N, C-alpha and C. Protein backbone atom coordinates (compact mmCIF):
# COMPACT_ATOMS: atom_id res chain seq x y z
N MET A 1 0.83 -1.19 0.00
CA MET A 1 0.00 0.00 0.00
C MET A 1 0.87 1.25 0.00
N LYS A 2 2.03 1.19 0.67
CA LYS A 2 2.93 2.33 0.69
C LYS A 2 3.44 2.63 -0.72
N LYS A 3 3.65 1.58 -1.52
CA LYS A 3 4.14 1.79 -2.88
C LYS A 3 3.10 2.51 -3.73
N VAL A 4 1.83 2.20 -3.53
CA VAL A 4 0.75 2.85 -4.29
C VAL A 4 0.70 4.33 -3.94
N PHE A 5 0.79 4.66 -2.65
CA PHE A 5 0.79 6.06 -2.24
C PHE A 5 2.03 6.79 -2.74
N ALA A 6 3.17 6.12 -2.74
CA ALA A 6 4.40 6.75 -3.23
C ALA A 6 4.30 7.05 -4.72
N ILE A 7 3.77 6.12 -5.49
CA ILE A 7 3.60 6.33 -6.93
C ILE A 7 2.59 7.46 -7.19
N ALA A 8 1.51 7.46 -6.43
CA ALA A 8 0.50 8.51 -6.59
C ALA A 8 1.07 9.88 -6.21
N LEU A 9 1.90 9.94 -5.18
CA LEU A 9 2.52 11.19 -4.76
C LEU A 9 3.48 11.70 -5.83
N ILE A 10 4.27 10.83 -6.39
CA ILE A 10 5.21 11.24 -7.43
C ILE A 10 4.46 11.69 -8.68
N ALA A 11 3.41 10.96 -9.05
CA ALA A 11 2.62 11.34 -10.22
C ALA A 11 1.94 12.70 -10.01
N THR A 12 1.44 12.94 -8.81
CA THR A 12 0.81 14.22 -8.50
C THR A 12 1.82 15.36 -8.59
N ALA A 13 3.03 15.13 -8.08
CA ALA A 13 4.07 16.15 -8.14
C ALA A 13 4.46 16.45 -9.59
N MET A 14 4.53 15.43 -10.42
CA MET A 14 4.87 15.65 -11.82
C MET A 14 3.80 16.43 -12.56
N VAL A 15 2.55 16.13 -12.27
CA VAL A 15 1.45 16.84 -12.93
C VAL A 15 1.39 18.28 -12.43
N ALA A 16 1.61 18.50 -11.14
CA ALA A 16 1.53 19.85 -10.58
C ALA A 16 2.66 20.73 -11.09
N CYS A 17 3.81 20.16 -11.39
CA CYS A 17 4.96 20.94 -11.86
C CYS A 17 4.95 21.15 -13.36
N ASN A 18 4.03 20.55 -14.07
CA ASN A 18 3.99 20.68 -15.52
C ASN A 18 3.15 21.90 -15.88
N ASN A 19 3.79 23.05 -16.05
CA ASN A 19 3.09 24.29 -16.37
C ASN A 19 3.22 24.67 -17.83
N SER A 20 3.70 23.80 -18.68
CA SER A 20 3.91 24.16 -20.07
C SER A 20 2.59 24.36 -20.80
N GLY A 21 1.50 23.82 -20.34
CA GLY A 21 0.22 24.00 -20.98
C GLY A 21 -0.37 25.37 -20.77
N ASP A 22 0.15 26.14 -19.82
CA ASP A 22 -0.38 27.46 -19.54
C ASP A 22 0.23 28.55 -20.43
N LYS A 23 1.27 28.23 -21.16
CA LYS A 23 1.94 29.22 -22.00
C LYS A 23 1.09 29.55 -23.21
N LYS A 24 1.18 30.80 -23.64
CA LYS A 24 0.52 31.22 -24.87
C LYS A 24 1.59 31.22 -25.96
N GLU A 25 1.48 30.28 -26.85
CA GLU A 25 2.49 30.14 -27.88
C GLU A 25 1.96 30.66 -29.21
N GLY A 26 2.89 31.10 -30.04
CA GLY A 26 2.53 31.56 -31.38
C GLY A 26 1.98 32.96 -31.34
N GLY A 27 1.26 33.29 -32.37
CA GLY A 27 0.67 34.61 -32.44
C GLY A 27 1.57 35.55 -33.23
N ASP A 28 1.04 36.69 -33.59
CA ASP A 28 1.77 37.67 -34.37
C ASP A 28 2.43 38.66 -33.43
N THR A 29 3.75 38.68 -33.41
CA THR A 29 4.48 39.57 -32.52
C THR A 29 5.02 40.78 -33.25
N THR A 30 4.71 40.92 -34.55
CA THR A 30 5.24 42.04 -35.32
C THR A 30 4.37 43.27 -35.23
N THR A 31 3.11 43.13 -34.88
CA THR A 31 2.22 44.29 -34.80
C THR A 31 2.23 44.86 -33.38
N ALA A 32 2.15 46.17 -33.31
CA ALA A 32 2.12 46.84 -32.00
C ALA A 32 0.72 46.72 -31.41
N PRO A 33 0.61 46.63 -30.11
CA PRO A 33 -0.72 46.57 -29.50
C PRO A 33 -1.45 47.90 -29.67
N THR A 34 -2.75 47.83 -29.88
CA THR A 34 -3.53 49.06 -30.06
C THR A 34 -3.82 49.68 -28.71
N THR A 35 -3.79 50.99 -28.67
CA THR A 35 -4.08 51.71 -27.44
C THR A 35 -5.34 52.54 -27.62
N ASP A 36 -6.05 52.76 -26.55
CA ASP A 36 -7.29 53.52 -26.58
C ASP A 36 -6.94 55.01 -26.57
N THR A 37 -7.30 55.72 -27.63
CA THR A 37 -6.96 57.14 -27.74
C THR A 37 -8.18 58.03 -27.68
N THR A 38 -9.31 57.54 -27.18
CA THR A 38 -10.51 58.36 -27.09
C THR A 38 -10.34 59.41 -26.00
N VAL A 39 -10.87 60.59 -26.27
CA VAL A 39 -10.75 61.71 -25.35
C VAL A 39 -12.09 61.91 -24.66
N VAL A 40 -12.07 62.00 -23.35
CA VAL A 40 -13.27 62.22 -22.57
C VAL A 40 -13.35 63.71 -22.26
N ALA A 41 -14.51 64.31 -22.54
CA ALA A 41 -14.68 65.74 -22.28
C ALA A 41 -14.68 66.00 -20.78
N PRO A 42 -14.01 67.09 -20.35
CA PRO A 42 -13.99 67.39 -18.91
C PRO A 42 -15.38 67.82 -18.42
N VAL A 43 -15.65 67.58 -17.17
CA VAL A 43 -16.93 67.93 -16.57
C VAL A 43 -16.91 69.40 -16.16
N ASP A 44 -17.97 70.12 -16.51
CA ASP A 44 -18.08 71.54 -16.17
C ASP A 44 -18.54 71.66 -14.72
N THR A 45 -17.67 72.11 -13.85
CA THR A 45 -18.00 72.21 -12.43
C THR A 45 -18.45 73.61 -12.05
N THR A 46 -18.51 74.54 -13.00
CA THR A 46 -18.90 75.91 -12.66
C THR A 46 -20.42 76.08 -12.68
N THR A 47 -21.14 75.22 -13.38
CA THR A 47 -22.59 75.34 -13.42
C THR A 47 -23.20 74.61 -12.22
N PRO A 48 -24.29 75.17 -11.66
CA PRO A 48 -24.92 74.49 -10.52
C PRO A 48 -25.61 73.20 -10.96
N ALA A 49 -25.72 72.30 -10.05
CA ALA A 49 -26.37 71.02 -10.33
C ALA A 49 -27.86 71.25 -10.55
N PRO A 50 -28.50 70.49 -11.43
CA PRO A 50 -29.95 70.66 -11.63
C PRO A 50 -30.73 70.25 -10.39
N VAL A 51 -31.89 70.88 -10.21
CA VAL A 51 -32.74 70.61 -9.06
C VAL A 51 -33.47 69.29 -9.27
N ASP A 52 -33.55 68.47 -8.23
CA ASP A 52 -34.25 67.20 -8.31
C ASP A 52 -35.75 67.46 -8.19
N THR A 53 -36.46 67.27 -9.28
CA THR A 53 -37.91 67.54 -9.25
C THR A 53 -38.71 66.32 -8.86
N THR A 54 -38.07 65.19 -8.68
CA THR A 54 -38.80 63.99 -8.30
C THR A 54 -38.95 63.87 -6.79
N ALA A 55 -38.14 64.61 -6.03
CA ALA A 55 -38.21 64.55 -4.57
C ALA A 55 -39.42 65.35 -4.09
N PRO A 56 -40.11 64.88 -3.06
CA PRO A 56 -41.25 65.64 -2.54
C PRO A 56 -40.76 66.94 -1.87
N VAL A 57 -41.62 67.94 -1.97
CA VAL A 57 -41.27 69.24 -1.40
C VAL A 57 -41.41 69.17 0.12
N ALA A 58 -40.44 69.72 0.84
CA ALA A 58 -40.48 69.71 2.28
C ALA A 58 -41.57 70.67 2.77
N VAL A 59 -42.35 70.24 3.75
CA VAL A 59 -43.43 71.06 4.30
C VAL A 59 -42.89 71.86 5.47
N ASP A 60 -43.22 73.14 5.51
CA ASP A 60 -42.77 74.01 6.60
C ASP A 60 -43.69 73.79 7.78
N THR A 61 -43.16 73.22 8.86
CA THR A 61 -43.99 72.91 10.03
C THR A 61 -43.86 73.94 11.15
N THR A 62 -43.09 75.01 10.92
CA THR A 62 -42.95 76.03 11.97
C THR A 62 -44.19 76.94 11.97
N LYS A 63 -44.62 77.32 13.16
CA LYS A 63 -45.77 78.22 13.28
C LYS A 63 -45.30 79.65 13.08
N LYS A 64 -46.15 80.44 12.46
CA LYS A 64 -45.81 81.83 12.22
C LYS A 64 -46.74 82.75 12.94
């Protein structure tokens, strides 16, 4: 039984150390990678924010 566990342990170690399947092989290495060159317009912070018209209006509960 010890021999079976020893063989299984060695086989597991060999499979775990075999990382050659994870490599990305081939492909075209002559072309440069494309980069995103889109320009995002800056946000105008000088204008006030629009008023939320969906919120209920607060009721004045103070007595006058």
